[in-house]
Amino acid sequence: MAVAAGRGEGRSNGPSGFATFIVRVERDNAGVISGVVEWVRTGERMRFYGLAAIGEVIKRMVERAKW
């Protein structure tokens, strides 16, 4: 896993730029984590269950996309 902190790091110079996602996370009374990932450009939303699933959801969205 790669993580970059700070403004401007990792900027894309490619023609398509970055894909932007909004991740909404909630935890219920039992402590179960779930939420929704939304691709800003397309408005597509996919639900996830568990923190580990967030990356998989984004991966699926990007692999299906034509961009």
Protein backbone atom coordinates (compact mmCIF):
# COMPACT_ATOMS: atom_id res chain seq x y z
CA MET A 1 0.00 0.00 0.00
CA ALA A 2 1.32 3.45 -0.93
CA VAL A 3 0.31 6.54 0.98
CA ALA A 4 1.38 10.11 0.20
CA ALA A 5 0.70 13.02 2.50
CA GLY A 6 0.72 16.71 1.76
CA ARG A 7 -0.61 18.93 -0.96
CA GLY A 8 0.44 18.41 -4.53
CA GLU A 9 2.24 15.12 -4.08
CA GLY A 10 1.55 12.49 -6.69
CA ARG A 11 -0.15 14.81 -9.14
CA SER A 12 -1.01 13.23 -12.45
CA ASN A 13 0.39 14.74 -15.63
CA GLY A 14 -1.58 12.34 -17.80
CA PRO A 15 -4.45 13.40 -20.03
CA SER A 16 -7.15 11.85 -17.84
CA GLY A 17 -5.94 13.10 -14.43
CA PHE A 18 -7.06 11.62 -11.15
CA ALA A 19 -10.36 9.94 -10.41
CA THR A 20 -12.09 11.48 -7.38
CA PHE A 21 -14.17 9.41 -4.98
CA ILE A 22 -16.26 10.29 -1.95
CA VAL A 23 -16.32 7.62 0.75
CA ARG A 24 -19.10 7.72 3.31
CA VAL A 25 -18.53 5.43 6.29
CA GLU A 26 -20.87 4.56 9.13
CA ARG A 27 -20.67 2.31 12.16
CA ASP A 28 -23.86 0.80 13.57
CA ASN A 29 -24.63 0.13 17.24
CA ALA A 30 -23.05 -3.33 16.96
CA GLY A 31 -19.80 -1.81 15.63
CA VAL A 32 -20.29 -3.06 12.06
CA ILE A 33 -18.75 -0.71 9.48
CA SER A 34 -20.36 -0.13 6.10
CA GLY A 35 -20.85 2.71 3.66
CA VAL A 36 -20.92 3.96 0.11
CA VAL A 37 -18.20 4.89 -2.39
CA GLU A 38 -19.28 7.49 -4.96
CA TRP A 39 -17.31 8.32 -8.09
CA VAL A 40 -17.66 12.08 -8.38
CA ARG A 41 -17.37 12.27 -12.19
CA THR A 42 -20.07 9.70 -12.92
CA GLY A 43 -22.22 9.78 -9.80
CA GLU A 44 -21.96 5.97 -9.62
CA ARG A 45 -22.35 4.59 -6.10
CA MET A 46 -21.45 1.21 -4.68
CA ARG A 47 -22.11 -0.04 -1.16
CA PHE A 48 -19.40 -1.76 0.89
CA TYR A 49 -19.34 -3.74 4.12
CA GLY A 50 -16.13 -3.64 6.19
CA LEU A 51 -13.16 -1.30 5.82
CA ALA A 52 -11.19 -3.80 3.76
CA ALA A 53 -13.85 -3.66 1.02
CA ILE A 54 -13.37 0.05 0.21
CA GLY A 55 -10.32 -0.56 -1.99
CA GLU A 56 -12.01 -3.44 -3.78
CA VAL A 57 -15.04 -1.28 -4.60
CA ILE A 58 -12.85 1.48 -6.04
CA LYS A 59 -10.83 -1.09 -8.01
CA ARG A 60 -14.01 -2.50 -9.59
CA MET A 61 -15.30 0.96 -10.50
CA VAL A 62 -12.02 1.95 -12.17
CA GLU A 63 -11.63 -1.35 -14.03
CA ARG A 64 -15.12 -1.01 -15.56
CA ALA A 65 -14.69 2.64 -16.51
CA LYS A 66 -13.92 4.01 -19.93
CA TRP A 67 -11.68 6.97 -19.16
